[in-house]
């Protein structure tokens, strides 16, 4: 099942209406919502998730999924913390090592998916469990912090005006992602493979290499997000980033990216990100507890899968009736 270009645009229009409604409700409920500090806070508290959502969009458009991203985030953060605690490497080298570990995690999973033909759902579910387990082996029940002041400052203080480093990284990555998906050959390959991998293969596209590249990038970006999360929090536990995959996947699917691959746009994902961030921000300002917020996001995830497919079914039924008249 695929969303047509027309229905995708309609979905983006609906997302825009929902975003306006959420913003209007937040303005009505909280007098501090429109403050510059609150807007920066709105992004900063979920910045790592939206960074990973960019690469997750590519993975899902390609017809795959990566459930392990939050575990890779936590594992990478734990690598930085443990290497620093043991003075095994200079801190900058510890950060580089964490990024390499994330890329290797993606490489291993990508190999099983691209070269061995295993379903990414099963492979990355194993990764979700395995990499979280490795994080627990490294850190156990401890909390490791005492990072260099410059590192904490990068995660907790503004870098350009009121804007922190992580938000600047997100903006830069978003621009690159839009250009690649819309204008670069690699972006076209990602979409064509998501539509039909066999057709892409017969067209001369190296399907295995594209899929492997996406999983390596997914692991690398997740590790980067984990390092940024460690800097923002100033301390790391084995549970760091736990459950983040729910928000990340919801952002992508709610944005109109088909769970079956082959269609989707980063404009829709961007609108979805704004909706979810504003919803969490508004619920937080209204003192709604975290578990209730997670339940609401989970409901959005279900709707983001069901509604587009329901629309597709109704459209096909309408076309079928028209063909019989």
C-alpha atoms as a PDB file:
ATOM      1  CA  UNK A   1       0.000   0.000   0.000  1.00  0.00           C
ATOM      2  CA  UNK A   2       1.371   3.401  -0.917  1.00  0.00           C
ATOM      3  CA  UNK A   3       0.288   6.945  -0.312  1.00  0.00           C
ATOM      4  CA  UNK A   4      -0.153   8.821  -3.575  1.00  0.00           C
ATOM      5  CA  UNK A   5       1.424  12.249  -4.002  1.00  0.00           C
ATOM      6  CA  UNK A   6      -2.008  13.845  -3.744  1.00  0.00           C
ATOM      7  CA  UNK A   7      -2.923  12.035  -0.531  1.00  0.00           C
ATOM      8  CA  UNK A   8       0.539  12.747   0.896  1.00  0.00           C
ATOM      9  CA  UNK A   9       0.016  16.449   0.351  1.00  0.00           C
ATOM     10  CA  UNK A  10      -3.407  16.206   1.948  1.00  0.00           C
ATOM     11  CA  UNK A  11      -1.826  14.433   4.913  1.00  0.00           C
ATOM     12  CA  UNK A  12       0.740  17.223   5.261  1.00  0.00           C
ATOM     13  CA  UNK A  13      -2.106  19.757   5.131  1.00  0.00           C
ATOM     14  CA  UNK A  14      -3.881  17.877   7.902  1.00  0.00           C
ATOM     15  CA  UNK A  15      -0.672  17.851   9.948  1.00  0.00           C
ATOM     16  CA  UNK A  16      -0.388  21.614   9.507  1.00  0.00           C
ATOM     17  CA  UNK A  17      -3.952  22.084  10.776  1.00  0.00           C
ATOM     18  CA  UNK A  18      -3.224  19.831  13.770  1.00  0.00           C
ATOM     19  CA  UNK A  19      -0.021  21.751  14.517  1.00  0.00           C
ATOM     20  CA  UNK A  20      -1.866  25.084  14.469  1.00  0.00           C
ATOM     21  CA  UNK A  21      -4.526  23.647  16.790  1.00  0.00           C
ATOM     22  CA  UNK A  22      -1.926  22.284  19.238  1.00  0.00           C
ATOM     23  CA  UNK A  23      -0.050  25.590  19.294  1.00  0.00           C
ATOM     24  CA  UNK A  24      -3.287  27.537  19.834  1.00  0.00           C
ATOM     25  CA  UNK A  25      -4.245  25.230  22.704  1.00  0.00           C
ATOM     26  CA  UNK A  26      -0.814  25.603  24.309  1.00  0.00           C
ATOM     27  CA  UNK A  27      -1.051  29.385  24.073  1.00  0.00           C
ATOM     28  CA  UNK A  28      -4.451  29.283  25.758  1.00  0.00           C
ATOM     29  CA  UNK A  29      -3.295  26.929  28.526  1.00  0.00           C
ATOM     30  CA  UNK A  30       0.051  28.478  29.434  1.00  0.00           C
ATOM     31  CA  UNK A  31       1.153  32.131  29.583  1.00  0.00           C
ATOM     32  CA  UNK A  32       4.829  31.128  29.312  1.00  0.00           C
ATOM     33  CA  UNK A  33       4.431  29.072  26.143  1.00  0.00           C
ATOM     34  CA  UNK A  34       5.367  31.890  23.752  1.00  0.00           C
ATOM     35  CA  UNK A  35       8.599  32.724  25.568  1.00  0.00           C
ATOM     36  CA  UNK A  36      11.879  32.315  23.677  1.00  0.00           C
ATOM     37  CA  UNK A  37      13.238  30.193  26.510  1.00  0.00           C
ATOM     38  CA  UNK A  38      10.305  27.797  26.258  1.00  0.00           C
ATOM     39  CA  UNK A  39      10.743  27.398  22.500  1.00  0.00           C
ATOM     40  CA  UNK A  40      14.437  26.562  22.936  1.00  0.00           C
ATOM     41  CA  UNK A  41      13.500  24.198  25.753  1.00  0.00           C
ATOM     42  CA  UNK A  42      10.847  22.600  23.536  1.00  0.00           C
ATOM     43  CA  UNK A  43      13.541  21.497  21.089  1.00  0.00           C
ATOM     44  CA  UNK A  44      16.371  20.909  23.529  1.00  0.00           C
ATOM     45  CA  UNK A  45      14.535  18.334  25.643  1.00  0.00           C
ATOM     46  CA  UNK A  46      13.919  16.130  22.589  1.00  0.00           C
ATOM     47  CA  UNK A  47      16.729  17.209  20.281  1.00  0.00           C
ATOM     48  CA  UNK A  48      18.420  13.802  20.238  1.00  0.00           C
ATOM     49  CA  UNK A  49      15.179  12.122  19.157  1.00  0.00           C
ATOM     50  CA  UNK A  50      14.556  14.463  16.243  1.00  0.00           C
ATOM     51  CA  UNK A  51      18.144  14.086  15.033  1.00  0.00           C
ATOM     52  CA  UNK A  52      17.677  10.304  14.848  1.00  0.00           C
ATOM     53  CA  UNK A  53      14.216  10.749  13.264  1.00  0.00           C
ATOM     54  CA  UNK A  54      15.914  12.194  10.162  1.00  0.00           C
ATOM     55  CA  UNK A  55      17.857   9.023   9.401  1.00  0.00           C
ATOM     56  CA  UNK A  56      14.940   6.848  10.540  1.00  0.00           C
ATOM     57  CA  UNK A  57      12.855   8.446   7.782  1.00  0.00           C
ATOM     58  CA  UNK A  58      15.376   7.215   5.192  1.00  0.00           C
ATOM     59  CA  UNK A  59      15.417   3.716   6.697  1.00  0.00           C
ATOM     60  CA  UNK A  60      11.625   3.383   6.663  1.00  0.00           C
ATOM     61  CA  UNK A  61      11.241   4.887   3.177  1.00  0.00           C
ATOM     62  CA  UNK A  62      13.727   2.205   2.121  1.00  0.00           C
ATOM     63  CA  UNK A  63      11.286  -0.431   3.380  1.00  0.00           C
ATOM     64  CA  UNK A  64      13.179  -1.295   6.567  1.00  0.00           C
ATOM     65  CA  UNK A  65      13.052  -0.274  10.224  1.00  0.00           C
ATOM     66  CA  UNK A  66      15.635   0.177  12.984  1.00  0.00           C
ATOM     67  CA  UNK A  67      14.269  -0.533  16.458  1.00  0.00           C
ATOM     68  CA  UNK A  68      17.735  -0.450  18.006  1.00  0.00           C
ATOM     69  CA  UNK A  69      18.449   3.278  17.702  1.00  0.00           C
ATOM     70  CA  UNK A  70      17.669   4.149  21.335  1.00  0.00           C
ATOM     71  CA  UNK A  71      19.783   1.245  22.595  1.00  0.00           C
ATOM     72  CA  UNK A  72      22.679   2.315  20.371  1.00  0.00           C
ATOM     73  CA  UNK A  73      22.295   5.844  21.768  1.00  0.00           C
ATOM     74  CA  UNK A  74      22.550   4.520  25.310  1.00  0.00           C
ATOM     75  CA  UNK A  75      25.418   2.171  24.485  1.00  0.00           C
ATOM     76  CA  UNK A  76      27.428   4.969  22.821  1.00  0.00           C
ATOM     77  CA  UNK A  77      26.844   7.252  25.804  1.00  0.00           C
ATOM     78  CA  UNK A  78      28.024   4.475  28.133  1.00  0.00           C
ATOM     79  CA  UNK A  79      31.159   3.928  26.041  1.00  0.00           C
ATOM     80  CA  UNK A  80      32.088   7.597  26.441  1.00  0.00           C
ATOM     81  CA  UNK A  81      31.415   7.480  30.182  1.00  0.00           C
ATOM     82  CA  UNK A  82      33.348   4.278  30.901  1.00  0.00           C
ATOM     83  CA  UNK A  83      36.369   5.224  28.772  1.00  0.00           C
ATOM     84  CA  UNK A  84      36.464   8.605  30.521  1.00  0.00           C
ATOM     85  CA  UNK A  85      36.057   7.061  33.978  1.00  0.00           C
ATOM     86  CA  UNK A  86      39.014   4.741  33.391  1.00  0.00           C
ATOM     87  CA  UNK A  87      41.152   7.427  31.731  1.00  0.00           C
ATOM     88  CA  UNK A  88      41.731   4.988  28.880  1.00  0.00           C
ATOM     89  CA  UNK A  89      41.764   7.677  26.188  1.00  0.00           C
ATOM     90  CA  UNK A  90      41.624  11.460  25.912  1.00  0.00           C
ATOM     91  CA  UNK A  91      38.002  12.557  26.103  1.00  0.00           C
ATOM     92  CA  UNK A  92      37.800  13.626  22.443  1.00  0.00           C
ATOM     93  CA  UNK A  93      39.101  10.170  21.473  1.00  0.00           C
ATOM     94  CA  UNK A  94      36.439   8.577  23.706  1.00  0.00           C
ATOM     95  CA  UNK A  95      33.768  10.494  21.786  1.00  0.00           C
ATOM     96  CA  UNK A  96      35.274   9.361  18.474  1.00  0.00           C
ATOM     97  CA  UNK A  97      35.331   5.769  19.737  1.00  0.00           C
ATOM     98  CA  UNK A  98      31.639   5.982  20.645  1.00  0.00           C
ATOM     99  CA  UNK A  99      30.820   7.154  17.117  1.00  0.00           C
ATOM    100  CA  UNK A 100      32.820   4.274  15.637  1.00  0.00           C
ATOM    101  CA  UNK A 101      31.005   1.827  17.940  1.00  0.00           C
ATOM    102  CA  UNK A 102      27.657   3.170  16.715  1.00  0.00           C
ATOM    103  CA  UNK A 103      28.688   2.816  13.069  1.00  0.00           C
ATOM    104  CA  UNK A 104      29.884  -0.745  13.721  1.00  0.00           C
ATOM    105  CA  UNK A 105      26.566  -1.572  15.402  1.00  0.00           C
ATOM    106  CA  UNK A 106      24.793  -0.389  12.268  1.00  0.00           C
ATOM    107  CA  UNK A 107      27.257  -2.299  10.071  1.00  0.00           C
ATOM    108  CA  UNK A 108      26.587  -5.585  11.861  1.00  0.00           C
ATOM    109  CA  UNK A 109      22.815  -5.178  11.692  1.00  0.00           C
ATOM    110  CA  UNK A 110      22.965  -3.947   8.108  1.00  0.00           C
ATOM    111  CA  UNK A 111      24.990  -6.986   7.084  1.00  0.00           C
ATOM    112  CA  UNK A 112      22.343  -9.354   8.420  1.00  0.00           C
ATOM    113  CA  UNK A 113      19.587  -7.383   6.681  1.00  0.00           C
ATOM    114  CA  UNK A 114      21.243  -6.521   3.365  1.00  0.00           C
ATOM    115  CA  UNK A 115      23.479  -9.532   2.749  1.00  0.00           C
ATOM    116  CA  UNK A 116      21.756 -12.344   4.641  1.00  0.00           C
ATOM    117  CA  UNK A 117      18.200 -11.257   3.836  1.00  0.00           C
ATOM    118  CA  UNK A 118      16.925 -11.318   7.412  1.00  0.00           C
ATOM    119  CA  UNK A 119      13.969  -9.038   8.263  1.00  0.00           C
ATOM    120  CA  UNK A 120      15.113  -5.759   9.796  1.00  0.00           C
ATOM    121  CA  UNK A 121      12.310  -5.942  12.364  1.00  0.00           C
ATOM    122  CA  UNK A 122      13.807  -9.105  13.874  1.00  0.00           C
ATOM    123  CA  UNK A 123      17.450  -8.054  13.496  1.00  0.00           C
ATOM    124  CA  UNK A 124      17.023  -4.650  15.102  1.00  0.00           C
ATOM    125  CA  UNK A 125      14.743  -5.995  17.819  1.00  0.00           C
ATOM    126  CA  UNK A 126      17.668  -8.243  18.748  1.00  0.00           C
ATOM    127  CA  UNK A 127      19.879  -5.146  18.554  1.00  0.00           C
ATOM    128  CA  UNK A 128      17.532  -3.258  20.852  1.00  0.00           C
ATOM    129  CA  UNK A 129      17.960  -5.961  23.482  1.00  0.00           C
ATOM    130  CA  UNK A 130      21.623  -6.688  22.816  1.00  0.00           C
ATOM    131  CA  UNK A 131      23.031  -3.165  22.815  1.00  0.00           C
ATOM    132  CA  UNK A 132      21.022  -2.243  25.905  1.00  0.00           C
ATOM    133  CA  UNK A 133      22.445  -5.335  27.558  1.00  0.00           C
ATOM    134  CA  UNK A 134      25.979  -4.251  26.626  1.00  0.00           C
ATOM    135  CA  UNK A 135      25.297  -0.844  28.153  1.00  0.00           C
ATOM    136  CA  UNK A 136      24.208  -2.526  31.388  1.00  0.00           C
ATOM    137  CA  UNK A 137      27.342  -4.666  31.375  1.00  0.00           C
ATOM    138  CA  UNK A 138      29.506  -1.552  31.057  1.00  0.00           C
ATOM    139  CA  UNK A 139      27.784   0.674  33.617  1.00  0.00           C
ATOM    140  CA  UNK A 140      25.765  -1.782  35.734  1.00  0.00           C
ATOM    141  CA  UNK A 141      23.582   0.179  38.198  1.00  0.00           C
ATOM    142  CA  UNK A 142      25.901   3.169  38.446  1.00  0.00           C
ATOM    143  CA  UNK A 143      25.579   6.715  37.207  1.00  0.00           C
ATOM    144  CA  UNK A 144      28.764   8.019  35.601  1.00  0.00           C
ATOM    145  CA  UNK A 145      29.359  11.724  35.172  1.00  0.00           C
ATOM    146  CA  UNK A 146      32.103  14.211  35.997  1.00  0.00           C
ATOM    147  CA  UNK A 147      32.624  14.940  32.321  1.00  0.00           C
ATOM    148  CA  UNK A 148      34.930  17.791  31.225  1.00  0.00           C
ATOM    149  CA  UNK A 149      33.353  21.192  31.653  1.00  0.00           C
ATOM    150  CA  UNK A 150      33.660  21.987  27.943  1.00  0.00           C
ATOM    151  CA  UNK A 151      31.688  18.848  27.081  1.00  0.00           C
ATOM    152  CA  UNK A 152      28.863  19.645  29.499  1.00  0.00           C
ATOM    153  CA  UNK A 153      28.795  23.216  28.208  1.00  0.00           C
ATOM    154  CA  UNK A 154      28.266  21.997  24.633  1.00  0.00           C
ATOM    155  CA  UNK A 155      25.184  20.125  25.745  1.00  0.00           C
ATOM    156  CA  UNK A 156      23.760  22.550  28.281  1.00  0.00           C
ATOM    157  CA  UNK A 157      24.665  26.080  27.206  1.00  0.00           C
ATOM    158  CA  UNK A 158      23.840  28.159  24.116  1.00  0.00           C
ATOM    159  CA  UNK A 159      26.422  28.223  21.355  1.00  0.00           C
ATOM    160  CA  UNK A 160      24.992  30.745  18.910  1.00  0.00           C
ATOM    161  CA  UNK A 161      22.730  33.309  20.557  1.00  0.00           C
ATOM    162  CA  UNK A 162      20.178  31.257  22.525  1.00  0.00           C
ATOM    163  CA  UNK A 163      20.680  28.213  20.270  1.00  0.00           C
ATOM    164  CA  UNK A 164      22.558  25.149  21.603  1.00  0.00           C
ATOM    165  CA  UNK A 165      24.974  23.027  19.542  1.00  0.00           C
ATOM    166  CA  UNK A 166      22.587  20.081  19.163  1.00  0.00           C
ATOM    167  CA  UNK A 167      19.901  22.250  17.555  1.00  0.00           C
ATOM    168  CA  UNK A 168      22.451  23.656  15.092  1.00  0.00           C
ATOM    169  CA  UNK A 169      23.473  20.085  14.235  1.00  0.00           C
ATOM    170  CA  UNK A 170      19.826  19.156  13.657  1.00  0.00           C
ATOM    171  CA  UNK A 171      19.218  22.108  11.335  1.00  0.00           C
ATOM    172  CA  UNK A 172      22.348  21.298   9.316  1.00  0.00           C
ATOM    173  CA  UNK A 173      21.432  17.618   9.082  1.00  0.00           C
ATOM    174  CA  UNK A 174      17.839  18.452   8.107  1.00  0.00           C
ATOM    175  CA  UNK A 175      19.006  20.626   5.203  1.00  0.00           C
ATOM    176  CA  UNK A 176      21.359  17.886   3.992  1.00  0.00           C
ATOM    177  CA  UNK A 177      18.662  15.219   4.387  1.00  0.00           C
ATOM    178  CA  UNK A 178      16.122  17.188   2.323  1.00  0.00           C
ATOM    179  CA  UNK A 179      18.658  17.772  -0.457  1.00  0.00           C
ATOM    180  CA  UNK A 180      19.726  14.117  -0.526  1.00  0.00           C
ATOM    181  CA  UNK A 181      16.199  12.690  -0.484  1.00  0.00           C
ATOM    182  CA  UNK A 182      14.813  15.079  -3.107  1.00  0.00           C
ATOM    183  CA  UNK A 183      17.754  15.758  -5.407  1.00  0.00           C
ATOM    184  CA  UNK A 184      20.557  13.214  -4.983  1.00  0.00           C
ATOM    185  CA  UNK A 185      20.842   9.839  -6.676  1.00  0.00           C
ATOM    186  CA  UNK A 186      21.162   8.111  -3.301  1.00  0.00           C
ATOM    187  CA  UNK A 187      17.805   9.536  -2.200  1.00  0.00           C
ATOM    188  CA  UNK A 188      16.153   8.254  -5.370  1.00  0.00           C
ATOM    189  CA  UNK A 189      17.695   4.834  -4.815  1.00  0.00           C
ATOM    190  CA  UNK A 190      16.327   4.769  -1.272  1.00  0.00           C
ATOM    191  CA  UNK A 191      12.785   5.434  -2.531  1.00  0.00           C
ATOM    192  CA  UNK A 192      12.947   3.087  -5.523  1.00  0.00           C
ATOM    193  CA  UNK A 193      14.189   0.213  -3.352  1.00  0.00           C
ATOM    194  CA  UNK A 194      11.409   0.914  -0.865  1.00  0.00           C
ATOM    195  CA  UNK A 195       8.855   0.655  -3.656  1.00  0.00           C
ATOM    196  CA  UNK A 196      10.209  -2.579  -5.098  1.00  0.00           C
ATOM    197  CA  UNK A 197      13.668  -3.948  -4.310  1.00  0.00           C
ATOM    198  CA  UNK A 198      13.544  -6.440  -7.198  1.00  0.00           C
ATOM    199  CA  UNK A 199      12.787  -3.731  -9.756  1.00  0.00           C
ATOM    200  CA  UNK A 200      15.573  -1.605  -8.284  1.00  0.00           C
ATOM    201  CA  UNK A 201      17.986  -4.546  -8.548  1.00  0.00           C
ATOM    202  CA  UNK A 202      17.078  -5.186 -12.185  1.00  0.00           C
ATOM    203  CA  UNK A 203      17.575  -1.466 -12.858  1.00  0.00           C
ATOM    204  CA  UNK A 204      21.208  -1.771 -11.812  1.00  0.00           C
ATOM    205  CA  UNK A 205      20.911  -0.299  -8.315  1.00  0.00           C
ATOM    206  CA  UNK A 206      23.200  -1.933  -5.753  1.00  0.00           C
ATOM    207  CA  UNK A 207      20.407  -2.700  -3.273  1.00  0.00           C
ATOM    208  CA  UNK A 208      22.673  -4.359  -0.729  1.00  0.00           C
ATOM    209  CA  UNK A 209      25.075  -1.425  -0.599  1.00  0.00           C
ATOM    210  CA  UNK A 210      22.273   1.132  -0.192  1.00  0.00           C
ATOM    211  CA  UNK A 211      20.660  -0.833   2.639  1.00  0.00           C
ATOM    212  CA  UNK A 212      23.999  -1.441   4.359  1.00  0.00           C
ATOM    213  CA  UNK A 213      24.883   2.254   4.058  1.00  0.00           C
ATOM    214  CA  UNK A 214      21.576   3.266   5.644  1.00  0.00           C
ATOM    215  CA  UNK A 215      22.092   1.012   8.666  1.00  0.00           C
ATOM    216  CA  UNK A 216      25.665   2.247   9.142  1.00  0.00           C
ATOM    217  CA  UNK A 217      24.396   5.835   8.991  1.00  0.00           C
ATOM    218  CA  UNK A 218      21.575   4.960  11.390  1.00  0.00           C
ATOM    219  CA  UNK A 219      24.061   3.563  13.916  1.00  0.00           C
ATOM    220  CA  UNK A 220      26.404   6.533  13.482  1.00  0.00           C
ATOM    221  CA  UNK A 221      23.648   9.124  13.895  1.00  0.00           C
ATOM    222  CA  UNK A 222      22.229   7.261  16.905  1.00  0.00           C
ATOM    223  CA  UNK A 223      25.688   7.244  18.511  1.00  0.00           C
ATOM    224  CA  UNK A 224      26.050  10.982  17.828  1.00  0.00           C
ATOM    225  CA  UNK A 225      22.674  11.543  19.469  1.00  0.00           C
ATOM    226  CA  UNK A 226      23.810   9.444  22.445  1.00  0.00           C
ATOM    227  CA  UNK A 227      26.936  11.567  22.874  1.00  0.00           C
ATOM    228  CA  UNK A 228      24.848  14.751  22.686  1.00  0.00           C
ATOM    229  CA  UNK A 229      22.437  13.289  25.250  1.00  0.00           C
ATOM    230  CA  UNK A 230      25.333  12.524  27.605  1.00  0.00           C
ATOM    231  CA  UNK A 231      26.524  16.126  27.264  1.00  0.00           C
ATOM    232  CA  UNK A 232      23.047  17.520  27.941  1.00  0.00           C
ATOM    233  CA  UNK A 233      22.396  15.332  30.971  1.00  0.00           C
ATOM    234  CA  UNK A 234      25.927  15.570  32.378  1.00  0.00           C
ATOM    235  CA  UNK A 235      25.756  11.920  33.484  1.00  0.00           C
ATOM    236  CA  UNK A 236      25.061   8.507  31.981  1.00  0.00           C
ATOM    237  CA  UNK A 237      23.213   5.426  33.169  1.00  0.00           C
ATOM    238  CA  UNK A 238      22.644   2.113  31.391  1.00  0.00           C
ATOM    239  CA  UNK A 239      19.026   3.168  30.858  1.00  0.00           C
ATOM    240  CA  UNK A 240      19.977   6.411  29.087  1.00  0.00           C
ATOM    241  CA  UNK A 241      17.702   6.908  26.075  1.00  0.00           C
ATOM    242  CA  UNK A 242      15.488   3.959  26.987  1.00  0.00           C
ATOM    243  CA  UNK A 243      12.127   4.101  25.180  1.00  0.00           C
ATOM    244  CA  UNK A 244      13.182   6.865  22.783  1.00  0.00           C
ATOM    245  CA  UNK A 245      12.456   4.633  19.786  1.00  0.00           C
ATOM    246  CA  UNK A 246       8.703   5.092  20.380  1.00  0.00           C
ATOM    247  CA  UNK A 247       8.832   8.856  19.844  1.00  0.00           C
ATOM    248  CA  UNK A 248      11.302   8.547  16.954  1.00  0.00           C
ATOM    249  CA  UNK A 249       9.251   6.059  14.956  1.00  0.00           C
ATOM    250  CA  UNK A 250       6.034   7.962  15.712  1.00  0.00           C
ATOM    251  CA  UNK A 251       7.572  11.177  14.360  1.00  0.00           C
ATOM    252  CA  UNK A 252       8.383   9.436  11.078  1.00  0.00           C
ATOM    253  CA  UNK A 253       5.141   7.512  10.572  1.00  0.00           C
ATOM    254  CA  UNK A 254       2.913  10.376  11.686  1.00  0.00           C
ATOM    255  CA  UNK A 255       4.747  12.477   9.103  1.00  0.00           C
ATOM    256  CA  UNK A 256       3.227  10.372   6.327  1.00  0.00           C
ATOM    257  CA  UNK A 257       6.127   7.996   5.670  1.00  0.00           C
ATOM    258  CA  UNK A 258       4.633   4.650   4.669  1.00  0.00           C
ATOM    259  CA  UNK A 259       5.440   1.807   7.053  1.00  0.00           C
ATOM    260  CA  UNK A 260       5.713  -0.369   3.909  1.00  0.00           C
ATOM    261  CA  UNK A 261       8.372   1.895   2.392  1.00  0.00           C
ATOM    262  CA  UNK A 262       8.568   3.704  -0.918  1.00  0.00           C
ATOM    263  CA  UNK A 263       6.901   6.986  -0.008  1.00  0.00           C
ATOM    264  CA  UNK A 264       7.199   9.880   2.376  1.00  0.00           C
ATOM    265  CA  UNK A 265       8.659  13.357   2.647  1.00  0.00           C
ATOM    266  CA  UNK A 266      10.760  15.186   5.181  1.00  0.00           C
ATOM    267  CA  UNK A 267       8.265  18.059   5.107  1.00  0.00           C
ATOM    268  CA  UNK A 268       5.684  15.757   6.657  1.00  0.00           C
ATOM    269  CA  UNK A 269       8.254  14.439   9.128  1.00  0.00           C
ATOM    270  CA  UNK A 270       9.158  18.012  10.067  1.00  0.00           C
ATOM    271  CA  UNK A 271       5.508  18.880  10.739  1.00  0.00           C
ATOM    272  CA  UNK A 272       5.107  15.684  12.732  1.00  0.00           C
ATOM    273  CA  UNK A 273       8.167  16.541  14.822  1.00  0.00           C
ATOM    274  CA  UNK A 274       6.720  19.967  15.608  1.00  0.00           C
ATOM    275  CA  UNK A 275       3.367  18.430  16.570  1.00  0.00           C
ATOM    276  CA  UNK A 276       4.909  15.901  18.949  1.00  0.00           C
ATOM    277  CA  UNK A 277       7.328  18.388  20.505  1.00  0.00           C
ATOM    278  CA  UNK A 278       4.531  20.892  21.056  1.00  0.00           C
ATOM    279  CA  UNK A 279       2.246  18.219  22.455  1.00  0.00           C
ATOM    280  CA  UNK A 280       4.876  17.048  24.937  1.00  0.00           C
ATOM    281  CA  UNK A 281       5.691  20.643  25.809  1.00  0.00           C
ATOM    282  CA  UNK A 282       2.045  21.543  26.358  1.00  0.00           C
ATOM    283  CA  UNK A 283       1.374  18.419  28.402  1.00  0.00           C
ATOM    284  CA  UNK A 284       4.447  19.167  30.486  1.00  0.00           C
ATOM    285  CA  UNK A 285       3.348  22.746  31.113  1.00  0.00           C
ATOM    286  CA  UNK A 286      -0.050  21.336  32.132  1.00  0.00           C
ATOM    287  CA  UNK A 287       1.719  18.994  34.611  1.00  0.00           C
ATOM    288  CA  UNK A 288       0.571  15.826  32.859  1.00  0.00           C
ATOM    289  CA  UNK A 289       2.705  12.938  34.117  1.00  0.00           C
ATOM    290  CA  UNK A 290       5.288  11.283  31.851  1.00  0.00           C
ATOM    291  CA  UNK A 291       3.494   7.919  31.651  1.00  0.00           C
ATOM    292  CA  UNK A 292       0.345   9.594  30.361  1.00  0.00           C
ATOM    293  CA  UNK A 293       2.405  11.497  27.789  1.00  0.00           C
ATOM    294  CA  UNK A 294       3.935   8.221  26.590  1.00  0.00           C
ATOM    295  CA  UNK A 295       0.470   6.681  26.285  1.00  0.00           C
ATOM    296  CA  UNK A 296      -0.672   9.582  24.114  1.00  0.00           C
ATOM    297  CA  UNK A 297       2.379   9.256  21.875  1.00  0.00           C
ATOM    298  CA  UNK A 298       1.718   5.516  21.601  1.00  0.00           C
ATOM    299  CA  UNK A 299      -1.849   6.225  20.486  1.00  0.00           C
ATOM    300  CA  UNK A 300      -0.472   8.613  17.853  1.00  0.00           C
ATOM    301  CA  UNK A 301       1.822   5.844  16.597  1.00  0.00           C
ATOM    302  CA  UNK A 302      -1.158   3.514  16.118  1.00  0.00           C
ATOM    303  CA  UNK A 303      -3.180   6.210  14.354  1.00  0.00           C
ATOM    304  CA  UNK A 304      -0.238   7.139  12.113  1.00  0.00           C
ATOM    305  CA  UNK A 305      -0.216   3.563  10.782  1.00  0.00           C
ATOM    306  CA  UNK A 306      -3.980   2.947  10.631  1.00  0.00           C
ATOM    307  CA  UNK A 307      -5.293   6.226   9.211  1.00  0.00           C
ATOM    308  CA  UNK A 308      -3.196   6.393   5.995  1.00  0.00           C
ATOM    309  CA  UNK A 309      -4.034   2.765   5.204  1.00  0.00           C
ATOM    310  CA  UNK A 310      -7.721   3.388   5.902  1.00  0.00           C
ATOM    311  CA  UNK A 311      -7.615   6.353   3.519  1.00  0.00           C
ATOM    312  CA  UNK A 312      -5.910   4.186   0.896  1.00  0.00           C
ATOM    313  CA  UNK A 313      -8.572   1.482   1.309  1.00  0.00           C
ATOM    314  CA  UNK A 314     -11.404   3.964   0.916  1.00  0.00           C
ATOM    315  CA  UNK A 315      -9.773   5.470  -2.148  1.00  0.00           C
ATOM    316  CA  UNK A 316      -9.326   2.096  -3.818  1.00  0.00           C
ATOM    317  CA  UNK A 317     -12.934   1.181  -3.015  1.00  0.00           C
ATOM    318  CA  UNK A 318     -14.116   4.440  -4.573  1.00  0.00           C
ATOM    319  CA  UNK A 319     -12.021   3.827  -7.692  1.00  0.00           C
ATOM    320  CA  UNK A 320     -13.376   0.274  -7.887  1.00  0.00           C
ATOM    321  CA  UNK A 321     -16.985   1.464  -7.706  1.00  0.00           C
ATOM    322  CA  UNK A 322     -16.279   4.096 -10.348  1.00  0.00           C
ATOM    323  CA  UNK A 323     -14.845   1.388 -12.622  1.00  0.00           C
ATOM    324  CA  UNK A 324     -18.037  -0.665 -12.369  1.00  0.00           C
ATOM    325  CA  UNK A 325     -20.330   2.193 -13.284  1.00  0.00           C
END
